[in-house]
Amino acid sequence: MTKQMNPSNTGELARARALFAGIEQDVIERPRAVCGHCGGIVRAGRDLVLGEPTREERRLDLERKQSGLPALHGWQRRHEACIDGPGIVRAITGRRVSAAVANAALALANPLVPSAQPLAPLPLYAELRTSHIENLTGWTGKAWGHLTTAERRAFAETVDDEAREYRLRNEDHRCTDGACGFCGVALARKWGESPLRWSDGTPAPACGACFAVLRRRPATRDKRMLRRIGIEALSGASGAGLDEYLGDDMRLYVEVAGDDHSGTADPWTFAPEALDDVREAARMALPWSLPEPLKTEYRQKVAAARQEARARAAERLAVEKRGELAGWVG
């Protein structure tokens, strides 16, 4: 038995086929044109259309065709490669950068991309043609050939600046003043100023983690108070008594570094045994000030230590009583 197709479905299918055929034909009929971004040739029937032609644009393009020139107005198009940030940067500057760096640099340099303060204009070819309607002044037929040497150099500087800023924002890096004066770590994502000084009197910076603690506390140059800030950064504990009971056992990296400011791979590893003792003592002294899950862990440790201490005290008392009883009986 032959299945009958719904006439309405047949009509819809035919209309869809006609639509796709029309689109395909439009693509095939696209003439050779100039890319609106780079000014290079877009081959016939290729790449992205930027706008439908007006009657006047068609007339001007017909005149250009009669002169043997590619269409400029009515079939203004853009290479697919000219929407690829890293590809554009490489084509103009020869630099290989990530998409994040390339797109940020283009946003800064291209006046057509929203930006508060464009740093270095990177004119698209479409901008130049608005001033040269009847001809292709400055057109070479090569991708980005309309850019001057100064424009290329300015854009390369923008790319380099953005690449540098990207590394500073997203990668651990050294501070020009040396390692962290508190914990001694050599590489960090962020750096801040501190009141610490190296042995030669130059400023010692604070890594992002230590600086976060430093700026929560009143400004000071007092050694014991600075050690207290170090204990907070080391242990996560905070509260009265840190400097009073632990300050004499604490040393900051700036106090032991001498002339070598190169630092260590990990924070608080320049004197591991002493620092481990200070960290544990601070956490046991002020467990309620710790962030979770350390707070729960050290409250349990303190409770267990107290129970142990009570058990030892009870055992000593029992031994003493047994001794007294033995002496009385004897």
Foldseek 3Di string as FASTA:
>chain_A
DDDDDDPVVVVVVVVVVVVVVVVQVVLQQACWEAEQFFRAIDHRSDAAFDDAADPVLVVLQVVCVVVVHHRYGRRHGHHPLVVQQQSVLCVLAVDGDDSVLSVVLCCQADPVRDDPHNDAHDDGLNVVCVVVVNDRVQRDNDGNSSDDPVSSVSSVVSSVVSVVVCCLQPHWDADPQFAAQFFFAGTASAKAFAPDAAPVGHTHIHHPLLVVLVVVDDHDPDQLVSQLSSLCSLAVADDPDLSVPCVVLGDGCRRVQHPHRNGDNDTNPPPPPSSVVSNVVRCLVGLCSHDPPSSVVNVVVNVVVVVVVVVVVVVVVVVVVVVVVVVVVD
